[in-house]
Amino acid sequence: MTDLRKLDLNLLKAFVVLLDECNVSRSAQRLSVTQPAMSGILNRLRISFNDPLFVRVQHGMQPTDRAIELGHIAQRVLQDVNSMLAPPKLEPANLSMTLRIGATDYVQAIIVAPLILKLRRLAPNVQVALLPVQGQNVKTLFEQNKIDLAFVSQNNLTPDMYQQKLYDERYICAMSKTHPMANKKLTTETFCELSFAMFSYNRPPAKPFLC
């Protein structure tokens, strides 16, 4: 082989498997190809390297000296390629950045606060900037590069936004044991007829603050 453009990494992978198995049928099974296809791959390897690579012996095939030499090189090449394609390893302790998180007051209390405590242990050089997002368009905040991450309900998201559900919640009604409706079936209609307090998290947009 004199032209790098003719190099096929899939051929190198098959070559390494052939060296390991010294058998066309077993190599074909490992690579999930047919035996004729594996035989064709071996022929291409022989042409590419201008060497028989394997010779028949009584109990299978035996690699030539040239094949053994090339096999060591092929293994190193494949290892280097795999290392090159592997995602970079994240080392939280080495991170130094500001993570901007948008969340409602409620979510800040139940999710963001524990997250910050864990970040302080794992990534002490990461600062967290909290931005209350109630009443704001979360998608716009992302588009304007004002936040990196948001903890909000699905009502604040659009289908084209990357999202991951963390958990489901449901409303419950708590009352005193001495309440007239205690131990009785409480329907939505009955609840609306009772006296209750309502509050909202909506308020004017606030500036982010660092933790």
C-alpha atoms as a PDB file:
ATOM      1  CA  MET A   1       0.000   0.000   0.000  1.00  0.00           C
ATOM      2  CA  THR A   2       1.611   3.265  -1.144  1.00  0.00           C
ATOM      3  CA  ASP A   3      -1.358   5.654  -1.016  1.00  0.00           C
ATOM      4  CA  LEU A   4      -2.880   6.626   2.340  1.00  0.00           C
ATOM      5  CA  ARG A   5      -6.148   7.511   0.586  1.00  0.00           C
ATOM      6  CA  LYS A   6      -6.662   3.795  -0.093  1.00  0.00           C
ATOM      7  CA  LEU A   7      -6.458   2.903   3.572  1.00  0.00           C
ATOM      8  CA  ASP A   8      -9.739   1.504   4.920  1.00  0.00           C
ATOM      9  CA  LEU A   9      -9.938   1.411   8.711  1.00  0.00           C
ATOM     10  CA  ASN A  10     -12.598  -1.295   8.489  1.00  0.00           C
ATOM     11  CA  LEU A  11     -10.033  -3.468   6.728  1.00  0.00           C
ATOM     12  CA  LEU A  12      -7.596  -2.911   9.575  1.00  0.00           C
ATOM     13  CA  LYS A  13     -10.244  -3.929  12.093  1.00  0.00           C
ATOM     14  CA  ALA A  14     -10.949  -7.107  10.114  1.00  0.00           C
ATOM     15  CA  PHE A  15      -7.211  -7.752   9.843  1.00  0.00           C
ATOM     16  CA  VAL A  16      -6.795  -7.605  13.628  1.00  0.00           C
ATOM     17  CA  VAL A  17      -9.713 -10.011  14.084  1.00  0.00           C
ATOM     18  CA  LEU A  18      -8.229 -12.426  11.532  1.00  0.00           C
ATOM     19  CA  LEU A  19      -4.927 -12.350  13.384  1.00  0.00           C
ATOM     20  CA  ASP A  20      -6.751 -13.111  16.619  1.00  0.00           C
ATOM     21  CA  GLU A  21      -8.844 -15.974  15.241  1.00  0.00           C
ATOM     22  CA  CYS A  22      -6.663 -17.347  12.411  1.00  0.00           C
ATOM     23  CA  ASN A  23      -9.926 -18.623  10.993  1.00  0.00           C
ATOM     24  CA  VAL A  24     -12.150 -17.046   8.335  1.00  0.00           C
ATOM     25  CA  SER A  25     -15.424 -18.495   9.648  1.00  0.00           C
ATOM     26  CA  ARG A  26     -14.910 -17.378  13.246  1.00  0.00           C
ATOM     27  CA  SER A  27     -13.721 -13.969  12.083  1.00  0.00           C
ATOM     28  CA  ALA A  28     -16.864 -13.611   9.976  1.00  0.00           C
ATOM     29  CA  GLN A  29     -19.029 -14.399  13.015  1.00  0.00           C
ATOM     30  CA  ARG A  30     -17.263 -11.801  15.166  1.00  0.00           C
ATOM     31  CA  LEU A  31     -17.676  -9.128  12.518  1.00  0.00           C
ATOM     32  CA  SER A  32     -21.262 -10.169  11.686  1.00  0.00           C
ATOM     33  CA  VAL A  33     -20.522 -10.757   8.007  1.00  0.00           C
ATOM     34  CA  THR A  34     -20.848 -13.806   5.784  1.00  0.00           C
ATOM     35  CA  GLN A  35     -17.942 -16.163   5.224  1.00  0.00           C
ATOM     36  CA  PRO A  36     -17.672 -15.219   1.497  1.00  0.00           C
ATOM     37  CA  ALA A  37     -17.567 -11.547   2.505  1.00  0.00           C
ATOM     38  CA  MET A  38     -14.800 -12.316   5.001  1.00  0.00           C
ATOM     39  CA  SER A  39     -12.860 -14.167   2.313  1.00  0.00           C
ATOM     40  CA  GLY A  40     -13.235 -11.110   0.085  1.00  0.00           C
ATOM     41  CA  ILE A  41     -11.908  -8.880   2.870  1.00  0.00           C
ATOM     42  CA  LEU A  42      -8.872 -11.159   3.260  1.00  0.00           C
ATOM     43  CA  ASN A  43      -8.196 -10.917  -0.485  1.00  0.00           C
ATOM     44  CA  ARG A  44      -8.370  -7.118  -0.314  1.00  0.00           C
ATOM     45  CA  LEU A  45      -5.930  -7.148   2.590  1.00  0.00           C
ATOM     46  CA  ARG A  46      -3.530  -9.321   0.642  1.00  0.00           C
ATOM     47  CA  ILE A  47      -3.673  -6.957  -2.312  1.00  0.00           C
ATOM     48  CA  SER A  48      -3.318  -3.867  -0.133  1.00  0.00           C
ATOM     49  CA  PHE A  49      -0.253  -5.154   1.708  1.00  0.00           C
ATOM     50  CA  ASN A  50       1.178  -7.176  -1.186  1.00  0.00           C
ATOM     51  CA  ASP A  51       1.582 -10.209   1.053  1.00  0.00           C
ATOM     52  CA  PRO A  52      -0.319 -13.500   1.503  1.00  0.00           C
ATOM     53  CA  LEU A  53      -0.660 -12.599   5.218  1.00  0.00           C
ATOM     54  CA  PHE A  54      -1.993 -16.081   6.084  1.00  0.00           C
ATOM     55  CA  VAL A  55      -1.033 -19.528   4.846  1.00  0.00           C
ATOM     56  CA  ARG A  56      -3.036 -22.681   5.280  1.00  0.00           C
ATOM     57  CA  VAL A  57      -1.818 -25.217   7.812  1.00  0.00           C
ATOM     58  CA  GLN A  58      -3.307 -28.445   9.105  1.00  0.00           C
ATOM     59  CA  HIS A  59      -5.523 -26.782  11.728  1.00  0.00           C
ATOM     60  CA  GLY A  60      -6.456 -23.496  10.104  1.00  0.00           C
ATOM     61  CA  MET A  61      -4.339 -20.542   9.031  1.00  0.00           C
ATOM     62  CA  GLN A  62      -0.992 -19.276  10.163  1.00  0.00           C
ATOM     63  CA  PRO A  63       0.001 -15.606   9.844  1.00  0.00           C
ATOM     64  CA  THR A  64       3.137 -14.754   7.941  1.00  0.00           C
ATOM     65  CA  ASP A  65       5.957 -12.827   9.571  1.00  0.00           C
ATOM     66  CA  ARG A  66       4.839  -9.773   7.632  1.00  0.00           C
ATOM     67  CA  ALA A  67       1.260 -10.176   8.935  1.00  0.00           C
ATOM     68  CA  ILE A  68       2.476 -10.326  12.537  1.00  0.00           C
ATOM     69  CA  GLU A  69       4.558  -7.199  11.999  1.00  0.00           C
ATOM     70  CA  LEU A  70       1.671  -5.363  10.372  1.00  0.00           C
ATOM     71  CA  GLY A  71      -0.734  -6.582  13.071  1.00  0.00           C
ATOM     72  CA  HIS A  72       1.147  -4.751  15.815  1.00  0.00           C
ATOM     73  CA  ILE A  73       0.992  -1.546  13.783  1.00  0.00           C
ATOM     74  CA  ALA A  74      -2.717  -2.019  12.964  1.00  0.00           C
ATOM     75  CA  GLN A  75      -3.591  -2.463  16.637  1.00  0.00           C
ATOM     76  CA  ARG A  76      -1.787   0.769  17.549  1.00  0.00           C
ATOM     77  CA  VAL A  77      -3.502   2.640  14.721  1.00  0.00           C
ATOM     78  CA  LEU A  78      -6.962   1.442  15.784  1.00  0.00           C
ATOM     79  CA  GLN A  79      -6.258   2.310  19.422  1.00  0.00           C
ATOM     80  CA  ASP A  80      -5.162   5.808  18.409  1.00  0.00           C
ATOM     81  CA  VAL A  81      -8.261   6.274  16.237  1.00  0.00           C
ATOM     82  CA  ASN A  82     -10.544   5.114  19.065  1.00  0.00           C
ATOM     83  CA  SER A  83      -8.817   7.529  21.448  1.00  0.00           C
ATOM     84  CA  MET A  84      -9.214  10.332  18.919  1.00  0.00           C
ATOM     85  CA  LEU A  85     -12.947   9.670  18.513  1.00  0.00           C
ATOM     86  CA  ALA A  86     -13.646   9.205  22.218  1.00  0.00           C
ATOM     87  CA  PRO A  87     -15.399  12.176  23.863  1.00  0.00           C
ATOM     88  CA  PRO A  88     -13.162  14.296  26.077  1.00  0.00           C
ATOM     89  CA  LYS A  89     -13.098  13.192  29.684  1.00  0.00           C
ATOM     90  CA  LEU A  90     -14.720  15.724  31.948  1.00  0.00           C
ATOM     91  CA  GLU A  91     -12.804  16.546  35.108  1.00  0.00           C
ATOM     92  CA  PRO A  92     -15.187  18.571  37.326  1.00  0.00           C
ATOM     93  CA  ALA A  93     -12.412  19.523  39.736  1.00  0.00           C
ATOM     94  CA  ASN A  94     -10.570  21.321  36.910  1.00  0.00           C
ATOM     95  CA  LEU A  95     -13.569  23.318  35.705  1.00  0.00           C
ATOM     96  CA  SER A  96     -13.569  27.066  36.223  1.00  0.00           C
ATOM     97  CA  MET A  97     -16.731  28.697  34.908  1.00  0.00           C
ATOM     98  CA  THR A  98     -20.060  30.283  35.731  1.00  0.00           C
ATOM     99  CA  LEU A  99     -23.100  28.077  35.162  1.00  0.00           C
ATOM    100  CA  ARG A 100     -26.204  30.183  34.550  1.00  0.00           C
ATOM    101  CA  ILE A 101     -29.368  28.402  35.653  1.00  0.00           C
ATOM    102  CA  GLY A 102     -32.918  29.603  35.114  1.00  0.00           C
ATOM    103  CA  ALA A 103     -35.527  28.280  37.541  1.00  0.00           C
ATOM    104  CA  THR A 104     -38.596  29.204  39.533  1.00  0.00           C
ATOM    105  CA  ASP A 105     -38.340  29.859  43.274  1.00  0.00           C
ATOM    106  CA  TYR A 106     -39.895  26.470  43.983  1.00  0.00           C
ATOM    107  CA  VAL A 107     -37.452  24.553  41.777  1.00  0.00           C
ATOM    108  CA  GLN A 108     -34.526  26.514  43.164  1.00  0.00           C
ATOM    109  CA  ALA A 109     -35.401  25.181  46.602  1.00  0.00           C
ATOM    110  CA  ILE A 110     -35.921  21.504  45.742  1.00  0.00           C
ATOM    111  CA  ILE A 111     -33.389  20.980  42.913  1.00  0.00           C
ATOM    112  CA  VAL A 112     -30.943  23.845  42.482  1.00  0.00           C
ATOM    113  CA  ALA A 113     -29.959  24.173  46.140  1.00  0.00           C
ATOM    114  CA  PRO A 114     -28.915  20.484  46.469  1.00  0.00           C
ATOM    115  CA  LEU A 115     -27.192  20.770  43.051  1.00  0.00           C
ATOM    116  CA  ILE A 116     -25.094  23.707  44.256  1.00  0.00           C
ATOM    117  CA  LEU A 117     -24.035  21.797  47.370  1.00  0.00           C
ATOM    118  CA  LYS A 118     -22.888  18.868  45.257  1.00  0.00           C
ATOM    119  CA  LEU A 119     -21.090  21.159  42.790  1.00  0.00           C
ATOM    120  CA  ARG A 120     -19.153  22.722  45.643  1.00  0.00           C
ATOM    121  CA  ARG A 121     -17.788  19.281  46.479  1.00  0.00           C
ATOM    122  CA  LEU A 122     -17.119  18.074  42.941  1.00  0.00           C
ATOM    123  CA  ALA A 123     -16.322  21.348  41.152  1.00  0.00           C
ATOM    124  CA  PRO A 124     -15.301  23.980  43.703  1.00  0.00           C
ATOM    125  CA  ASN A 125     -14.290  26.486  41.004  1.00  0.00           C
ATOM    126  CA  VAL A 126     -17.717  26.525  39.340  1.00  0.00           C
ATOM    127  CA  GLN A 127     -19.974  29.410  40.263  1.00  0.00           C
ATOM    128  CA  VAL A 128     -23.736  29.176  39.784  1.00  0.00           C
ATOM    129  CA  ALA A 129     -25.750  32.205  38.694  1.00  0.00           C
ATOM    130  CA  LEU A 130     -29.454  31.787  39.444  1.00  0.00           C
ATOM    131  CA  LEU A 131     -31.989  33.618  37.313  1.00  0.00           C
ATOM    132  CA  PRO A 132     -35.673  33.490  38.330  1.00  0.00           C
ATOM    133  CA  VAL A 133     -37.598  32.780  35.134  1.00  0.00           C
ATOM    134  CA  GLN A 134     -41.226  33.016  36.200  1.00  0.00           C
ATOM    135  CA  GLY A 135     -43.117  35.185  33.719  1.00  0.00           C
ATOM    136  CA  GLN A 136     -40.312  35.012  31.159  1.00  0.00           C
ATOM    137  CA  ASN A 137     -39.901  33.192  27.852  1.00  0.00           C
ATOM    138  CA  VAL A 138     -37.357  30.455  28.545  1.00  0.00           C
ATOM    139  CA  LYS A 139     -36.619  29.861  24.854  1.00  0.00           C
ATOM    140  CA  THR A 140     -35.820  33.545  24.401  1.00  0.00           C
ATOM    141  CA  LEU A 141     -33.447  33.433  27.370  1.00  0.00           C
ATOM    142  CA  PHE A 142     -31.551  30.590  25.683  1.00  0.00           C
ATOM    143  CA  GLU A 143     -31.510  32.371  22.327  1.00  0.00           C
ATOM    144  CA  GLN A 144     -30.172  35.523  23.971  1.00  0.00           C
ATOM    145  CA  ASN A 145     -27.476  33.436  25.694  1.00  0.00           C
ATOM    146  CA  LYS A 146     -28.642  34.514  29.140  1.00  0.00           C
ATOM    147  CA  ILE A 147     -28.886  31.000  30.618  1.00  0.00           C
ATOM    148  CA  ASP A 148     -27.104  27.680  30.092  1.00  0.00           C
ATOM    149  CA  LEU A 149     -29.629  25.432  31.822  1.00  0.00           C
ATOM    150  CA  ALA A 150     -33.234  25.715  32.935  1.00  0.00           C
ATOM    151  CA  PHE A 151     -35.291  23.794  35.476  1.00  0.00           C
ATOM    152  CA  VAL A 152     -38.895  24.515  34.531  1.00  0.00           C
ATOM    153  CA  SER A 153     -42.171  22.752  33.853  1.00  0.00           C
ATOM    154  CA  GLN A 154     -42.960  21.448  30.382  1.00  0.00           C
ATOM    155  CA  ASN A 155     -45.434  24.308  29.965  1.00  0.00           C
ATOM    156  CA  ASN A 156     -42.435  26.629  29.582  1.00  0.00           C
ATOM    157  CA  LEU A 157     -40.853  24.583  26.780  1.00  0.00           C
ATOM    158  CA  THR A 158     -41.425  24.123  23.063  1.00  0.00           C
ATOM    159  CA  PRO A 159     -40.997  20.808  21.195  1.00  0.00           C
ATOM    160  CA  ASP A 160     -37.849  22.007  19.396  1.00  0.00           C
ATOM    161  CA  MET A 161     -35.981  22.582  22.682  1.00  0.00           C
ATOM    162  CA  TYR A 162     -33.718  19.831  24.008  1.00  0.00           C
ATOM    163  CA  GLN A 163     -35.257  18.638  27.245  1.00  0.00           C
ATOM    164  CA  GLN A 164     -35.097  15.828  29.785  1.00  0.00           C
ATOM    165  CA  LYS A 165     -37.903  15.009  32.191  1.00  0.00           C
ATOM    166  CA  LEU A 166     -36.649  14.779  35.768  1.00  0.00           C
ATOM    167  CA  TYR A 167     -39.808  13.802  37.614  1.00  0.00           C
ATOM    168  CA  ASP A 168     -43.609  14.081  37.679  1.00  0.00           C
ATOM    169  CA  GLU A 169     -45.542  15.996  40.295  1.00  0.00           C
ATOM    170  CA  ARG A 170     -49.152  16.121  41.357  1.00  0.00           C
ATOM    171  CA  TYR A 171     -51.185  18.396  43.593  1.00  0.00           C
ATOM    172  CA  ILE A 172     -52.366  17.241  46.996  1.00  0.00           C
ATOM    173  CA  CYS A 173     -54.746  18.788  49.461  1.00  0.00           C
ATOM    174  CA  ALA A 174     -53.775  18.901  53.139  1.00  0.00           C
ATOM    175  CA  MET A 175     -56.232  19.744  55.877  1.00  0.00           C
ATOM    176  CA  SER A 176     -56.702  19.449  59.607  1.00  0.00           C
ATOM    177  CA  LYS A 177     -58.108  16.243  61.015  1.00  0.00           C
ATOM    178  CA  THR A 178     -60.945  18.336  62.434  1.00  0.00           C
ATOM    179  CA  HIS A 179     -61.859  19.874  59.085  1.00  0.00           C
ATOM    180  CA  PRO A 180     -65.483  19.144  58.039  1.00  0.00           C
ATOM    181  CA  MET A 181     -64.226  17.495  54.830  1.00  0.00           C
ATOM    182  CA  ALA A 182     -61.669  15.278  56.553  1.00  0.00           C
ATOM    183  CA  ASN A 183     -62.113  11.604  55.649  1.00  0.00           C
ATOM    184  CA  LYS A 184     -64.595  12.523  52.919  1.00  0.00           C
ATOM    185  CA  LYS A 185     -64.242  12.372  49.166  1.00  0.00           C
ATOM    186  CA  LEU A 186     -63.094  15.778  47.971  1.00  0.00           C
ATOM    187  CA  THR A 187     -64.023  16.585  44.379  1.00  0.00           C
ATOM    188  CA  THR A 188     -62.805  19.559  42.392  1.00  0.00           C
ATOM    189  CA  GLU A 189     -66.238  21.149  42.611  1.00  0.00           C
ATOM    190  CA  THR A 190     -66.361  20.751  46.400  1.00  0.00           C
ATOM    191  CA  PHE A 191     -62.856  22.124  46.768  1.00  0.00           C
ATOM    192  CA  CYS A 192     -63.735  25.240  44.775  1.00  0.00           C
ATOM    193  CA  GLU A 193     -66.675  25.893  47.094  1.00  0.00           C
ATOM    194  CA  LEU A 194     -64.404  25.873  50.153  1.00  0.00           C
ATOM    195  CA  SER A 195     -62.286  28.751  51.427  1.00  0.00           C
ATOM    196  CA  PHE A 196     -58.652  28.515  50.380  1.00  0.00           C
ATOM    197  CA  ALA A 197     -55.629  30.754  49.814  1.00  0.00           C
ATOM    198  CA  MET A 198     -53.963  31.162  46.423  1.00  0.00           C
ATOM    199  CA  PHE A 199     -50.546  32.568  45.717  1.00  0.00           C
ATOM    200  CA  SER A 200     -48.419  32.934  42.575  1.00  0.00           C
ATOM    201  CA  TYR A 201     -44.702  32.950  41.884  1.00  0.00           C
ATOM    202  CA  ASN A 202     -45.132  35.483  39.092  1.00  0.00           C
ATOM    203  CA  ARG A 203     -43.241  38.701  39.664  1.00  0.00           C
ATOM    204  CA  PRO A 204     -41.135  41.176  37.674  1.00  0.00           C
ATOM    205  CA  PRO A 205     -37.958  39.659  36.148  1.00  0.00           C
ATOM    206  CA  ALA A 206     -35.061  39.670  38.588  1.00  0.00           C
ATOM    207  CA  LYS A 207     -31.355  39.969  38.049  1.00  0.00           C
ATOM    208  CA  PRO A 208     -29.296  36.784  38.489  1.00  0.00           C
ATOM    209  CA  PHE A 209     -27.337  36.274  41.671  1.00  0.00           C
ATOM    210  CA  LEU A 210     -24.245  34.185  42.241  1.00  0.00           C
ATOM    211  CA  CYS A 211     -23.905  31.231  44.585  1.00  0.00           C
END
